[in-house]
C-alpha atoms as a PDB file:
ATOM      1  CA  MET A   1     -16.651  19.432  12.035  1.00  0.00           C
ATOM      2  CA  TRP A   2     -17.397  15.902  13.244  1.00  0.00           C
ATOM      3  CA  ARG A   3     -14.821  13.390  12.094  1.00  0.00           C
ATOM      4  CA  ALA A   4     -15.227   9.672  12.624  1.00  0.00           C
ATOM      5  CA  LYS A   5     -12.040   7.810  13.579  1.00  0.00           C
ATOM      6  CA  LEU A   6     -11.506   4.095  13.357  1.00  0.00           C
ATOM      7  CA  LYS A   7      -8.419   2.407  14.805  1.00  0.00           C
ATOM      8  CA  LEU A   8      -7.092  -0.538  12.843  1.00  0.00           C
ATOM      9  CA  PRO A   9      -5.145  -3.505  14.224  1.00  0.00           C
ATOM     10  CA  SER A  10      -1.392  -3.562  14.523  1.00  0.00           C
ATOM     11  CA  PHE A  11       0.879  -5.216  11.994  1.00  0.00           C
ATOM     12  CA  ASP A  12       1.177  -8.368  14.128  1.00  0.00           C
ATOM     13  CA  ASP A  13      -2.603  -8.639  14.418  1.00  0.00           C
ATOM     14  CA  ILE A  14      -2.941  -8.348  10.652  1.00  0.00           C
ATOM     15  CA  CYS A  15      -0.442 -11.144  10.032  1.00  0.00           C
ATOM     16  CA  GLN A  16      -1.971 -13.471  12.609  1.00  0.00           C
ATOM     17  CA  GLN A  17      -5.587 -13.031  11.523  1.00  0.00           C
ATOM     18  CA  ASN A  18      -5.243 -12.895   7.760  1.00  0.00           C
ATOM     19  CA  ASN A  19      -2.970 -15.674   6.550  1.00  0.00           C
ATOM     20  CA  ASN A  20      -4.845 -15.961   3.258  1.00  0.00           C
ATOM     21  CA  GLU A  21      -4.811 -12.278   2.311  1.00  0.00           C
ATOM     22  CA  THR A  22      -3.239 -11.227  -0.991  1.00  0.00           C
ATOM     23  CA  LEU A  23      -0.275  -9.494   0.629  1.00  0.00           C
ATOM     24  CA  SER A  24       2.202 -11.602   2.565  1.00  0.00           C
ATOM     25  CA  CYS A  25       3.380 -10.606   6.017  1.00  0.00           C
ATOM     26  CA  ILE A  26       6.795  -9.911   4.524  1.00  0.00           C
ATOM     27  CA  THR A  27       5.240  -7.452   2.088  1.00  0.00           C
ATOM     28  CA  ARG A  28       3.334  -5.784   4.885  1.00  0.00           C
ATOM     29  CA  ARG A  29       6.439  -5.378   7.028  1.00  0.00           C
ATOM     30  CA  ALA A  30       8.210  -3.784   4.082  1.00  0.00           C
ATOM     31  CA  ALA A  31       5.197  -1.517   3.577  1.00  0.00           C
ATOM     32  CA  LEU A  32       5.353  -0.382   7.195  1.00  0.00           C
ATOM     33  CA  GLY A  33       9.045   0.340   6.810  1.00  0.00           C
ATOM     34  CA  SER A  34      11.292   2.335   9.084  1.00  0.00           C
ATOM     35  CA  GLY A  35      13.656   5.247   8.824  1.00  0.00           C
ATOM     36  CA  PRO A  36      13.078   8.863   7.725  1.00  0.00           C
ATOM     37  CA  ASN A  37       9.849   8.164   5.833  1.00  0.00           C
ATOM     38  CA  TYR A  38       8.317   5.953   8.523  1.00  0.00           C
ATOM     39  CA  GLY A  39       4.573   6.651   8.606  1.00  0.00           C
ATOM     40  CA  TRP A  40       4.360   7.018   4.826  1.00  0.00           C
ATOM     41  CA  MET A  41       1.828   4.388   3.772  1.00  0.00           C
ATOM     42  CA  ASN A  42       1.929   2.839   0.336  1.00  0.00           C
ATOM     43  CA  ASP A  43      -1.043   1.822  -1.816  1.00  0.00           C
ATOM     44  CA  ALA A  44      -0.944  -1.840  -0.802  1.00  0.00           C
ATOM     45  CA  LEU A  45      -1.085  -1.179   2.924  1.00  0.00           C
ATOM     46  CA  ILE A  46      -3.857   1.420   2.596  1.00  0.00           C
ATOM     47  CA  ARG A  47      -5.919  -0.789   0.305  1.00  0.00           C
ATOM     48  CA  GLU A  48      -5.643  -3.870   2.489  1.00  0.00           C
ATOM     49  CA  SER A  49      -6.420  -1.962   5.669  1.00  0.00           C
ATOM     50  CA  PHE A  50      -9.385  -0.180   4.108  1.00  0.00           C
ATOM     51  CA  HIS A  51     -10.842  -3.457   2.861  1.00  0.00           C
ATOM     52  CA  ARG A  52     -10.463  -5.154   6.206  1.00  0.00           C
ATOM     53  CA  GLN A  53     -11.865  -2.437   8.405  1.00  0.00           C
ATOM     54  CA  MET A  54     -13.978   0.020   6.422  1.00  0.00           C
ATOM     55  CA  LEU A  55     -15.481  -2.384   3.869  1.00  0.00           C
ATOM     56  CA  ARG A  56     -15.712  -5.584   5.878  1.00  0.00           C
ATOM     57  CA  TRP A  57     -19.381  -5.107   6.689  1.00  0.00           C
ATOM     58  CA  HIS A  58     -20.232  -4.691   2.987  1.00  0.00           C
ATOM     59  CA  ARG A  59     -19.101  -8.267   2.399  1.00  0.00           C
ATOM     60  CA  THR A  60     -21.779  -9.569   4.744  1.00  0.00           C
ATOM     61  CA  PHE A  61     -24.486  -8.611   2.244  1.00  0.00           C
ATOM     62  CA  PRO A  62     -25.066 -11.100  -0.594  1.00  0.00           C
ATOM     63  CA  ASN A  63     -26.243  -8.336  -2.934  1.00  0.00           C
ATOM     64  CA  THR A  64     -23.007  -6.349  -2.626  1.00  0.00           C
ATOM     65  CA  LEU A  65     -19.851  -6.713  -4.701  1.00  0.00           C
ATOM     66  CA  VAL A  66     -16.554  -5.197  -3.566  1.00  0.00           C
ATOM     67  CA  LEU A  67     -13.992  -5.112  -6.338  1.00  0.00           C
ATOM     68  CA  ASN A  68     -10.424  -3.934  -6.891  1.00  0.00           C
ATOM     69  CA  GLU A  69      -9.356  -2.224 -10.113  1.00  0.00           C
ATOM     70  CA  LEU A  70     -12.671  -1.673 -11.890  1.00  0.00           C
ATOM     71  CA  GLY A  71     -11.960  -0.499 -15.445  1.00  0.00           C
ATOM     72  CA  LEU A  72     -13.715   2.748 -16.441  1.00  0.00           C
ATOM     73  CA  ARG A  73     -14.317   4.142 -19.927  1.00  0.00           C
ATOM     74  CA  HIS A  74     -12.712   1.062 -21.473  1.00  0.00           C
ATOM     75  CA  GLY A  75      -9.431   1.374 -19.641  1.00  0.00           C
ATOM     76  CA  ARG A  76      -9.083   5.140 -19.560  1.00  0.00           C
ATOM     77  CA  CYS A  77      -8.475   4.581 -15.868  1.00  0.00           C
ATOM     78  CA  ARG A  78      -9.256   2.055 -13.147  1.00  0.00           C
ATOM     79  CA  ALA A  79     -11.061   2.659  -9.891  1.00  0.00           C
ATOM     80  CA  ASP A  80      -8.841   1.384  -7.094  1.00  0.00           C
ATOM     81  CA  ILE A  81     -11.851   0.056  -5.175  1.00  0.00           C
ATOM     82  CA  ALA A  82     -15.488  -0.128  -6.261  1.00  0.00           C
ATOM     83  CA  VAL A  83     -18.496  -1.047  -4.131  1.00  0.00           C
ATOM     84  CA  ILE A  84     -21.512  -2.187  -6.128  1.00  0.00           C
ATOM     85  CA  ASN A  85     -24.861  -2.620  -4.366  1.00  0.00           C
ATOM     86  CA  GLY A  86     -27.844  -0.312  -4.741  1.00  0.00           C
ATOM     87  CA  ARG A  87     -25.443   2.302  -6.065  1.00  0.00           C
ATOM     88  CA  LEU A  88     -21.958   2.582  -7.517  1.00  0.00           C
ATOM     89  CA  THR A  89     -19.261   3.932  -5.199  1.00  0.00           C
ATOM     90  CA  GLY A  90     -15.640   4.441  -6.206  1.00  0.00           C
ATOM     91  CA  TYR A  91     -12.527   4.988  -4.098  1.00  0.00           C
ATOM     92  CA  GLU A  92      -9.260   6.385  -5.440  1.00  0.00           C
ATOM     93  CA  ILE A  93      -6.164   5.815  -3.294  1.00  0.00           C
ATOM     94  CA  LYS A  94      -3.457   8.469  -3.212  1.00  0.00           C
ATOM     95  CA  SER A  95      -0.758   7.236  -0.874  1.00  0.00           C
ATOM     96  CA  ASP A  96       2.107   9.355   0.391  1.00  0.00           C
ATOM     97  CA  GLU A  97       4.264   7.763  -2.295  1.00  0.00           C
ATOM     98  CA  ASP A  98       1.892   8.645  -5.149  1.00  0.00           C
ATOM     99  CA  SER A  99       1.947  11.599  -7.480  1.00  0.00           C
ATOM    100  CA  LEU A 100      -1.189  13.673  -8.067  1.00  0.00           C
ATOM    101  CA  GLU A 101      -0.317  14.137 -11.727  1.00  0.00           C
ATOM    102  CA  ARG A 102      -3.211  11.999 -12.987  1.00  0.00           C
ATOM    103  CA  LEU A 103      -5.767  13.066 -10.392  1.00  0.00           C
ATOM    104  CA  THR A 104      -7.580  15.615 -12.567  1.00  0.00           C
ATOM    105  CA  GLU A 105      -8.251  13.063 -15.300  1.00  0.00           C
ATOM    106  CA  GLN A 106      -9.213  10.432 -12.724  1.00  0.00           C
ATOM    107  CA  ILE A 107     -11.721  12.806 -11.139  1.00  0.00           C
ATOM    108  CA  LYS A 108     -13.296  13.416 -14.535  1.00  0.00           C
ATOM    109  CA  THR A 109     -13.592   9.707 -15.309  1.00  0.00           C
ATOM    110  CA  TYR A 110     -14.885   8.683 -11.861  1.00  0.00           C
ATOM    111  CA  SER A 111     -17.421  11.521 -11.989  1.00  0.00           C
ATOM    112  CA  ALA A 112     -18.879  10.183 -15.227  1.00  0.00           C
ATOM    113  CA  VAL A 113     -19.612   6.770 -13.694  1.00  0.00           C
ATOM    114  CA  PHE A 114     -20.031   6.731  -9.915  1.00  0.00           C
ATOM    115  CA  ASP A 115     -22.964   7.829  -7.768  1.00  0.00           C
ATOM    116  CA  HIS A 116     -20.530   8.503  -4.916  1.00  0.00           C
ATOM    117  CA  ALA A 117     -16.754   8.841  -4.916  1.00  0.00           C
ATOM    118  CA  ALA A 118     -13.972   9.526  -2.431  1.00  0.00           C
ATOM    119  CA  VAL A 119     -10.214   9.846  -2.296  1.00  0.00           C
ATOM    120  CA  ILE A 120      -8.333   7.935   0.405  1.00  0.00           C
ATOM    121  CA  THR A 121      -5.118   9.811   1.092  1.00  0.00           C
ATOM    122  CA  GLY A 122      -2.385  10.383   3.616  1.00  0.00           C
ATOM    123  CA  ALA A 123      -1.883  13.683   5.381  1.00  0.00           C
ATOM    124  CA  ARG A 124       0.870  14.602   2.904  1.00  0.00           C
ATOM    125  CA  HIS A 125      -1.592  15.075   0.024  1.00  0.00           C
ATOM    126  CA  ARG A 126      -4.720  16.007   1.971  1.00  0.00           C
ATOM    127  CA  ASP A 127      -4.809  19.746   1.259  1.00  0.00           C
ATOM    128  CA  ALA A 128      -3.811  19.359  -2.394  1.00  0.00           C
ATOM    129  CA  VAL A 129      -6.511  16.720  -2.905  1.00  0.00           C
ATOM    130  CA  LEU A 130      -9.174  18.883  -1.231  1.00  0.00           C
ATOM    131  CA  SER A 131      -8.311  21.813  -3.481  1.00  0.00           C
ATOM    132  CA  ARG A 132      -8.887  19.747  -6.644  1.00  0.00           C
ATOM    133  CA  LEU A 133     -11.977  17.722  -5.827  1.00  0.00           C
ATOM    134  CA  PRO A 134     -15.569  18.688  -6.651  1.00  0.00           C
ATOM    135  CA  LYS A 135     -17.547  19.403  -3.494  1.00  0.00           C
ATOM    136  CA  TRP A 136     -19.596  16.206  -3.732  1.00  0.00           C
ATOM    137  CA  TRP A 137     -16.483  14.017  -3.506  1.00  0.00           C
ATOM    138  CA  GLY A 138     -15.537  12.618  -0.106  1.00  0.00           C
ATOM    139  CA  VAL A 139     -12.086  12.668   1.465  1.00  0.00           C
ATOM    140  CA  ILE A 140     -10.801  10.000   3.840  1.00  0.00           C
ATOM    141  CA  VAL A 141      -7.450  10.671   5.510  1.00  0.00           C
ATOM    142  CA  CYS A 142      -5.368   7.757   6.780  1.00  0.00           C
ATOM    143  CA  HIS A 143      -2.761   7.868   9.534  1.00  0.00           C
ATOM    144  CA  GLN A 144      -0.180   5.338  10.648  1.00  0.00           C
ATOM    145  CA  GLY A 145       0.752   4.955  14.299  1.00  0.00           C
ATOM    146  CA  LYS A 146       4.113   4.080  15.804  1.00  0.00           C
ATOM    147  CA  ARG A 147       3.220   0.386  16.045  1.00  0.00           C
ATOM    148  CA  GLY A 148       2.082   0.214  12.422  1.00  0.00           C
ATOM    149  CA  GLY A 149      -1.654   0.418  13.031  1.00  0.00           C
ATOM    150  CA  VAL A 150      -3.636   2.489  10.536  1.00  0.00           C
ATOM    151  CA  SER A 151      -6.573   4.746  11.283  1.00  0.00           C
ATOM    152  CA  PHE A 152      -9.010   6.332   8.836  1.00  0.00           C
ATOM    153  CA  GLU A 153     -10.565   9.739   9.355  1.00  0.00           C
ATOM    154  CA  THR A 154     -13.594  10.881   7.378  1.00  0.00           C
ATOM    155  CA  TRP A 155     -12.484  14.408   6.577  1.00  0.00           C
ATOM    156  CA  ARG A 156     -15.393  15.096   4.216  1.00  0.00           C
ATOM    157  CA  SER A 157     -18.371  12.830   3.544  1.00  0.00           C
ATOM    158  CA  ALA A 158     -19.235  12.016  -0.063  1.00  0.00           C
ATOM    159  CA  GLY A 159     -22.409  13.466  -1.522  1.00  0.00           C
ATOM    160  CA  ARG A 160     -24.513  12.371  -4.486  1.00  0.00           C
ATOM    161  CA  ASN A 161     -23.185  12.867  -8.011  1.00  0.00           C
ATOM    162  CA  ALA A 162     -25.788  14.796  -9.986  1.00  0.00           C
ATOM    163  CA  ARG A 163     -23.975  14.527 -13.338  1.00  0.00           C
ATOM    164  CA  VAL A 164     -23.559  10.829 -14.104  1.00  0.00           C
ATOM    165  CA  ASP A 165     -22.997  10.122 -17.814  1.00  0.00           C
ATOM    166  CA  PRO A 166     -25.347   7.319 -19.004  1.00  0.00           C
ATOM    167  CA  VAL A 167     -23.000   6.237 -21.800  1.00  0.00           C
ATOM    168  CA  ALA A 168     -20.086   5.985 -19.356  1.00  0.00           C
ATOM    169  CA  VAL A 169     -22.237   3.780 -17.112  1.00  0.00           C
ATOM    170  CA  ALA A 170     -23.189   1.570 -20.069  1.00  0.00           C
ATOM    171  CA  GLN A 171     -19.495   1.190 -20.914  1.00  0.00           C
ATOM    172  CA  LEU A 172     -19.049  -0.860 -17.747  1.00  0.00           C
ATOM    173  CA  LEU A 173     -20.769  -3.684 -19.642  1.00  0.00           C
ATOM    174  CA  TRP A 174     -19.142  -6.174 -21.945  1.00  0.00           C
ATOM    175  CA  LYS A 175     -20.541  -6.052 -25.465  1.00  0.00           C
ATOM    176  CA  ALA A 176     -22.390  -9.351 -25.016  1.00  0.00           C
ATOM    177  CA  GLU A 177     -24.027  -8.029 -21.849  1.00  0.00           C
ATOM    178  CA  ALA A 178     -25.124  -4.827 -23.582  1.00  0.00           C
ATOM    179  CA  ALA A 179     -26.532  -6.823 -26.492  1.00  0.00           C
ATOM    180  CA  GLU A 180     -28.446  -9.119 -24.146  1.00  0.00           C
ATOM    181  CA  ILE A 181     -30.124  -6.171 -22.433  1.00  0.00           C
ATOM    182  CA  LEU A 182     -31.053  -4.606 -25.764  1.00  0.00           C
ATOM    183  CA  LYS A 183     -32.423  -7.945 -26.969  1.00  0.00           C
ATOM    184  CA  SER A 184     -34.617  -8.168 -23.855  1.00  0.00           C
ATOM    185  CA  LEU A 185     -35.965  -4.706 -24.716  1.00  0.00           C
ATOM    186  CA  GLY A 186     -37.003  -5.879 -28.189  1.00  0.00           C
ATOM    187  CA  GLU A 187     -34.278  -4.165 -30.175  1.00  0.00           C
ATOM    188  CA  PRO A 188     -33.693  -5.656 -33.674  1.00  0.00           C
ATOM    189  CA  SER A 189     -30.956  -8.218 -34.223  1.00  0.00           C
ATOM    190  CA  THR A 190     -29.319  -5.978 -36.827  1.00  0.00           C
ATOM    191  CA  LEU A 191     -28.544  -3.472 -34.072  1.00  0.00           C
ATOM    192  CA  LEU A 192     -27.066  -6.125 -31.790  1.00  0.00           C
ATOM    193  CA  ARG A 193     -24.352  -6.858 -34.348  1.00  0.00           C
ATOM    194  CA  GLN A 194     -23.161  -3.258 -34.485  1.00  0.00           C
ATOM    195  CA  ARG A 195     -19.982  -2.060 -32.795  1.00  0.00           C
ATOM    196  CA  ARG A 196     -20.191  -1.779 -29.039  1.00  0.00           C
ATOM    197  CA  SER A 197     -20.088   2.027 -28.931  1.00  0.00           C
ATOM    198  CA  LEU A 198     -23.438   2.086 -30.750  1.00  0.00           C
ATOM    199  CA  LEU A 199     -24.888  -0.433 -28.310  1.00  0.00           C
ATOM    200  CA  TYR A 200     -23.895   1.739 -25.352  1.00  0.00           C
ATOM    201  CA  GLU A 201     -25.388   4.812 -26.962  1.00  0.00           C
ATOM    202  CA  ARG A 202     -28.608   2.934 -27.671  1.00  0.00           C
ATOM    203  CA  LEU A 203     -28.858   1.735 -24.072  1.00  0.00           C
ATOM    204  CA  ALA A 204     -28.436   5.294 -22.844  1.00  0.00           C
ATOM    205  CA  ALA A 205     -31.172   6.420 -25.241  1.00  0.00           C
ATOM    206  CA  VAL A 206     -33.835   3.787 -24.503  1.00  0.00           C
ATOM    207  CA  LEU A 207     -33.398   3.447 -20.752  1.00  0.00           C
ATOM    208  CA  GLY A 208     -33.743   6.101 -18.103  1.00  0.00           C
ATOM    209  CA  LEU A 209     -30.629   6.647 -16.009  1.00  0.00           C
ATOM    210  CA  ALA A 210     -31.988   4.844 -12.943  1.00  0.00           C
ATOM    211  CA  GLN A 211     -33.081   1.843 -15.038  1.00  0.00           C
ATOM    212  CA  LEU A 212     -29.736   1.728 -16.826  1.00  0.00           C
ATOM    213  CA  GLN A 213     -27.771   1.909 -13.591  1.00  0.00           C
ATOM    214  CA  HIS A 214     -29.851  -0.912 -12.098  1.00  0.00           C
ATOM    215  CA  ARG A 215     -29.303  -3.152 -15.134  1.00  0.00           C
ATOM    216  CA  VAL A 216     -25.572  -2.467 -15.176  1.00  0.00           C
ATOM    217  CA  ARG A 217     -25.160  -3.116 -11.454  1.00  0.00           C
ATOM    218  CA  GLU A 218     -26.987  -6.440 -11.730  1.00  0.00           C
ATOM    219  CA  CYS A 219     -24.812  -7.496 -14.680  1.00  0.00           C
ATOM    220  CA  LEU A 220     -21.641  -6.685 -12.768  1.00  0.00           C
ATOM    221  CA  LYS A 221     -22.793  -8.676  -9.750  1.00  0.00           C
ATOM    222  CA  ARG A 222     -23.578 -11.717 -11.911  1.00  0.00           C
ATOM    223  CA  ARG A 223     -20.376 -11.566 -13.932  1.00  0.00           C
ATOM    224  CA  ARG A 224     -17.785 -14.319 -13.569  1.00  0.00           C
ATOM    225  CA  ASN A 225     -14.133 -14.434 -14.658  1.00  0.00           C
ATOM    226  CA  TRP A 226     -13.620 -10.744 -14.012  1.00  0.00           C
ATOM    227  CA  ARG A 227      -9.918 -10.876 -14.814  1.00  0.00           C
ATOM    228  CA  HIS A 228     -10.291 -12.715 -18.116  1.00  0.00           C
ATOM    229  CA  PRO A 229     -10.494 -10.806 -21.408  1.00  0.00           C
ATOM    230  CA  GLU A 230     -13.955  -9.813 -22.580  1.00  0.00           C
ATOM    231  CA  PRO A 231     -15.576 -12.779 -24.349  1.00  0.00           C
ATOM    232  CA  PRO A 232     -15.615 -12.499 -28.178  1.00  0.00           C
ATOM    233  CA  PHE A 233     -18.867 -11.392 -29.711  1.00  0.00           C
ATOM    234  CA  PRO A 234     -20.056 -11.670 -33.341  1.00  0.00           C
ATOM    235  CA  GLY A 235     -19.510  -8.390 -35.135  1.00  0.00           C
ATOM    236  CA  GLY A 236     -16.221  -7.438 -33.467  1.00  0.00           C
ATOM    237  CA  ASP A 237     -15.728  -4.273 -31.376  1.00  0.00           C
END
């Protein structure tokens, strides 16, 4: 089996080159740690390293959005990292410190929404993760060297999800966004004032899956104030 390996910079390189990153150097040094569990990488270190090395090229494309903590199924779970371009790709991080207790439910929710999905995990959970994932899911294994550098190994490439749920995709939209799409399709104003669950179901009914996915992706890319509550909309829910 061919496995691509990518060596990441050392801790000192990270601190020197990324003064404006979310995590401080102090946090990173704590994440690297020492002692009996040295080499166990936490979520923050894996996420930051993956963004910097594996997703950096995505950020060079103006039509691509890379996002942390994308809410799925109205908060049923959050995708640790989502890449939105001509498709929806989700990454779930399972660090050595994490439990796999919620993984089954997360797999189900990711599989309803994403075209491609993968778990990023340390060697500690690799075999357990592989035994639970559908075959189309990818697996990326991360390793930490003695100097704190992190490497990522593509253990299994992600395939295409053949069972995306159109309603789950529509649920990525805010109610106002769903109503605006339906309005553009000529749907009556009486429908637009209904509760959001009916709007999502209507979108799934009147648009083919590919059309719906395209509309949703474009809405997400245009959206501002991601971390603010959903804007109020006449008609409630």
